[in-house]
Amino acid sequence: MIDISKLIRELRLMIEQLPNWKFILIWLVLFVAAIGYLVGQIRWW
């Protein structure tokens, strides 16, 4: 199981180091794509 709080903390550190809205947008797109993929997998079960 992934530790979500640790992941969020790491993402925050990355965003602080590189304060770029495009970078945040890329992570948001990846996050949404991952959730969509997981939902698709659950539906097939």
PDB file of N, CA and C in Angstrom:
ATOM      1  N   MET A   1       0.850  -1.204   0.000  1.00  0.00           N
ATOM      2  CA  MET A   1       0.000   0.000   0.000  1.00  0.00           C
ATOM      3  C   MET A   1       0.888   1.257   0.000  1.00  0.00           C
ATOM      4  N   ILE A   2       0.530   2.211  -0.825  1.00  0.00           N
ATOM      5  CA  ILE A   2       1.305   3.451  -0.947  1.00  0.00           C
ATOM      6  C   ILE A   2       0.959   4.378   0.222  1.00  0.00           C
ATOM      7  N   ASP A   3       1.993   4.975   0.832  1.00  0.00           N
ATOM      8  CA  ASP A   3       1.790   5.948   1.906  1.00  0.00           C
ATOM      9  C   ASP A   3       1.474   7.305   1.264  1.00  0.00           C
ATOM     10  N   ILE A   4       0.187   7.657   1.253  1.00  0.00           N
ATOM     11  CA  ILE A   4      -0.290   8.864   0.560  1.00  0.00           C
ATOM     12  C   ILE A   4       0.314  10.126   1.174  1.00  0.00           C
ATOM     13  N   SER A   5       0.345  10.215   2.506  1.00  0.00           N
ATOM     14  CA  SER A   5       0.867  11.417   3.168  1.00  0.00           C
ATOM     15  C   SER A   5       2.337  11.654   2.810  1.00  0.00           C
ATOM     16  N   LYS A   6       3.111  10.565   2.725  1.00  0.00           N
ATOM     17  CA  LYS A   6       4.527  10.676   2.340  1.00  0.00           C
ATOM     18  C   LYS A   6       4.643  11.165   0.898  1.00  0.00           C
ATOM     19  N   LEU A   7       3.795  10.627   0.025  1.00  0.00           N
ATOM     20  CA  LEU A   7       3.791  11.015  -1.386  1.00  0.00           C
ATOM     21  C   LEU A   7       3.457  12.502  -1.536  1.00  0.00           C
ATOM     22  N   ILE A   8       2.442  12.957  -0.799  1.00  0.00           N
ATOM     23  CA  ILE A   8       2.029  14.366  -0.845  1.00  0.00           C
ATOM     24  C   ILE A   8       3.157  15.267  -0.344  1.00  0.00           C
ATOM     25  N   ARG A   9       3.827  14.843   0.732  1.00  0.00           N
ATOM     26  CA  ARG A   9       4.943  15.619   1.286  1.00  0.00           C
ATOM     27  C   ARG A   9       6.070  15.734   0.258  1.00  0.00           C
ATOM     28  N   GLU A  10       6.389  14.636  -0.425  1.00  0.00           N
ATOM     29  CA  GLU A  10       7.429  14.647  -1.463  1.00  0.00           C
ATOM     30  C   GLU A  10       7.028  15.546  -2.629  1.00  0.00           C
ATOM     31  N   LEU A  11       5.764  15.479  -3.025  1.00  0.00           N
ATOM     32  CA  LEU A  11       5.267  16.336  -4.102  1.00  0.00           C
ATOM     33  C   LEU A  11       5.370  17.805  -3.719  1.00  0.00           C
ATOM     34  N   ARG A  12       5.028  18.127  -2.461  1.00  0.00           N
ATOM     35  CA  ARG A  12       5.120  19.512  -1.986  1.00  0.00           C
ATOM     36  C   ARG A  12       6.552  20.012  -2.054  1.00  0.00           C
ATOM     37  N   LEU A  13       7.503  19.177  -1.658  1.00  0.00           N
ATOM     38  CA  LEU A  13       8.920  19.552  -1.726  1.00  0.00           C
ATOM     39  C   LEU A  13       9.348  19.806  -3.167  1.00  0.00           C
ATOM     40  N   MET A  14       8.913  18.945  -4.081  1.00  0.00           N
ATOM     41  CA  MET A  14       9.228  19.116  -5.504  1.00  0.00           C
ATOM     42  C   MET A  14       8.643  20.418  -6.044  1.00  0.00           C
ATOM     43  N   ILE A  15       7.393  20.699  -5.670  1.00  0.00           N
ATOM     44  CA  ILE A  15       6.716  21.913  -6.137  1.00  0.00           C
ATOM     45  C   ILE A  15       7.416  23.159  -5.592  1.00  0.00           C
ATOM     46  N   GLU A  16       7.874  23.104  -4.328  1.00  0.00           N
ATOM     47  CA  GLU A  16       8.609  24.233  -3.742  1.00  0.00           C
ATOM     48  C   GLU A  16       9.921  24.469  -4.481  1.00  0.00           C
ATOM     49  N   GLN A  17      10.601  23.393  -4.860  1.00  0.00           N
ATOM     50  CA  GLN A  17      11.863  23.508  -5.586  1.00  0.00           C
ATOM     51  C   GLN A  17      11.641  24.024  -7.011  1.00  0.00           C
ATOM     52  N   LEU A  18      10.530  23.656  -7.608  1.00  0.00           N
ATOM     53  CA  LEU A  18      10.231  24.048  -8.988  1.00  0.00           C
ATOM     54  C   LEU A  18       8.816  24.638  -9.042  1.00  0.00           C
ATOM     55  N   PRO A  19       8.662  25.917  -8.625  1.00  0.00           N
ATOM     56  CA  PRO A  19       7.329  26.523  -8.579  1.00  0.00           C
ATOM     57  C   PRO A  19       6.832  26.912  -9.971  1.00  0.00           C
ATOM     58  N   ASN A  20       6.378  25.917 -10.688  1.00  0.00           N
ATOM     59  CA  ASN A  20       5.954  26.120 -12.073  1.00  0.00           C
ATOM     60  C   ASN A  20       4.569  25.508 -12.246  1.00  0.00           C
ATOM     61  N   TRP A  21       3.593  26.291 -12.688  1.00  0.00           N
ATOM     62  CA  TRP A  21       2.220  25.792 -12.832  1.00  0.00           C
ATOM     63  C   TRP A  21       2.134  24.649 -13.829  1.00  0.00           C
ATOM     64  N   LYS A  22       3.022  24.662 -14.843  1.00  0.00           N
ATOM     65  CA  LYS A  22       3.026  23.562 -15.826  1.00  0.00           C
ATOM     66  C   LYS A  22       3.406  22.246 -15.152  1.00  0.00           C
ATOM     67  N   PHE A  23       4.373  22.306 -14.232  1.00  0.00           N
ATOM     68  CA  PHE A  23       4.815  21.128 -13.486  1.00  0.00           C
ATOM     69  C   PHE A  23       3.656  20.567 -12.648  1.00  0.00           C
ATOM     70  N   ILE A  24       2.942  21.470 -11.963  1.00  0.00           N
ATOM     71  CA  ILE A  24       1.783  21.069 -11.154  1.00  0.00           C
ATOM     72  C   ILE A  24       0.704  20.462 -12.057  1.00  0.00           C
ATOM     73  N   LEU A  25       0.491  21.068 -13.214  1.00  0.00           N
ATOM     74  CA  LEU A  25      -0.516  20.581 -14.168  1.00  0.00           C
ATOM     75  C   LEU A  25      -0.174  19.169 -14.651  1.00  0.00           C
ATOM     76  N   ILE A  26       1.107  18.920 -14.948  1.00  0.00           N
ATOM     77  CA  ILE A  26       1.552  17.583 -15.382  1.00  0.00           C
ATOM     78  C   ILE A  26       1.258  16.552 -14.300  1.00  0.00           C
ATOM     79  N   TRP A  27       1.575  16.863 -13.028  1.00  0.00           N
ATOM     80  CA  TRP A  27       1.305  15.943 -11.918  1.00  0.00           C
ATOM     81  C   TRP A  27      -0.184  15.702 -11.761  1.00  0.00           C
ATOM     82  N   LEU A  28      -0.987  16.769 -11.932  1.00  0.00           N
ATOM     83  CA  LEU A  28      -2.444  16.645 -11.821  1.00  0.00           C
ATOM     84  C   LEU A  28      -2.985  15.722 -12.908  1.00  0.00           C
ATOM     85  N   VAL A  29      -2.496  15.879 -14.135  1.00  0.00           N
ATOM     86  CA  VAL A  29      -2.913  15.020 -15.252  1.00  0.00           C
ATOM     87  C   VAL A  29      -2.534  13.560 -14.975  1.00  0.00           C
ATOM     88  N   LEU A  30      -1.308  13.329 -14.502  1.00  0.00           N
ATOM     89  CA  LEU A  30      -0.862  11.968 -14.168  1.00  0.00           C
ATOM     90  C   LEU A  30      -1.720  11.363 -13.064  1.00  0.00           C
ATOM     91  N   PHE A  31      -2.046  12.166 -12.051  1.00  0.00           N
ATOM     92  CA  PHE A  31      -2.871  11.712 -10.925  1.00  0.00           C
ATOM     93  C   PHE A  31      -4.267  11.322 -11.402  1.00  0.00           C
ATOM     94  N   VAL A  32      -4.883  12.180 -12.230  1.00  0.00           N
ATOM     95  CA  VAL A  32      -6.222  11.906 -12.774  1.00  0.00           C
ATOM     96  C   VAL A  32      -6.189  10.662 -13.663  1.00  0.00           C
ATOM     97  N   ALA A  33      -5.147  10.528 -14.485  1.00  0.00           N
ATOM     98  CA  ALA A  33      -5.008   9.355 -15.355  1.00  0.00           C
ATOM     99  C   ALA A  33      -4.876   8.076 -14.530  1.00  0.00           C
ATOM    100  N   ALA A  34      -4.099   8.128 -13.452  1.00  0.00           N
ATOM    101  CA  ALA A  34      -3.920   6.966 -12.568  1.00  0.00           C
ATOM    102  C   ALA A  34      -5.242   6.570 -11.916  1.00  0.00           C
ATOM    103  N   ILE A  35      -6.006   7.556 -11.446  1.00  0.00           N
ATOM    104  CA  ILE A  35      -7.318   7.287 -10.819  1.00  0.00           C
ATOM    105  C   ILE A  35      -8.266   6.687 -11.856  1.00  0.00           C
ATOM    106  N   GLY A  36      -8.284   7.259 -13.054  1.00  0.00           N
ATOM    107  CA  GLY A  36      -9.136   6.738 -14.127  1.00  0.00           C
ATOM    108  C   GLY A  36      -8.783   5.302 -14.481  1.00  0.00           C
ATOM    109  N   TYR A  37      -7.487   5.003 -14.513  1.00  0.00           N
ATOM    110  CA  TYR A  37      -7.014   3.640 -14.792  1.00  0.00           C
ATOM    111  C   TYR A  37      -7.466   2.677 -13.696  1.00  0.00           C
ATOM    112  N   LEU A  38      -7.312   3.082 -12.440  1.00  0.00           N
ATOM    113  CA  LEU A  38      -7.724   2.242 -11.305  1.00  0.00           C
ATOM    114  C   LEU A  38      -9.228   1.986 -11.327  1.00  0.00           C
ATOM    115  N   VAL A  39     -10.015   3.010 -11.614  1.00  0.00           N
ATOM    116  CA  VAL A  39     -11.475   2.863 -11.702  1.00  0.00           C
ATOM    117  C   VAL A  39     -11.825   1.872 -12.813  1.00  0.00           C
ATOM    118  N   GLY A  40     -11.139   1.974 -13.950  1.00  0.00           N
ATOM    119  CA  GLY A  40     -11.349   1.044 -15.061  1.00  0.00           C
ATOM    120  C   GLY A  40     -11.028  -0.387 -14.672  1.00  0.00           C
ATOM    121  N   GLN A  41      -9.945  -0.585 -13.932  1.00  0.00           N
ATOM    122  CA  GLN A  41      -9.553  -1.921 -13.470  1.00  0.00           C
ATOM    123  C   GLN A  41     -10.597  -2.493 -12.514  1.00  0.00           C
ATOM    124  N   ILE A  42     -11.080  -1.661 -11.594  1.00  0.00           N
ATOM    125  CA  ILE A  42     -12.086  -2.104 -10.613  1.00  0.00           C
ATOM    126  C   ILE A  42     -13.378  -2.507 -11.329  1.00  0.00           C
ATOM    127  N   ARG A  43     -13.768  -1.777 -12.358  1.00  0.00           N
ATOM    128  CA  ARG A  43     -14.991  -2.093 -13.105  1.00  0.00           C
ATOM    129  C   ARG A  43     -14.913  -3.476 -13.739  1.00  0.00           C
ATOM    130  N   TRP A  44     -13.728  -3.854 -14.226  1.00  0.00           N
ATOM    131  CA  TRP A  44     -13.573  -5.158 -14.884  1.00  0.00           C
ATOM    132  C   TRP A  44     -13.691  -6.317 -13.905  1.00  0.00           C
ATOM    133  N   TRP A  45     -13.411  -6.052 -12.604  1.00  0.00           N
ATOM    134  CA  TRP A  45     -13.587  -7.080 -11.588  1.00  0.00           C
ATOM    135  C   TRP A  45     -15.069  -7.220 -11.341  1.00  0.00           C
TER     136      TRP A  45
END
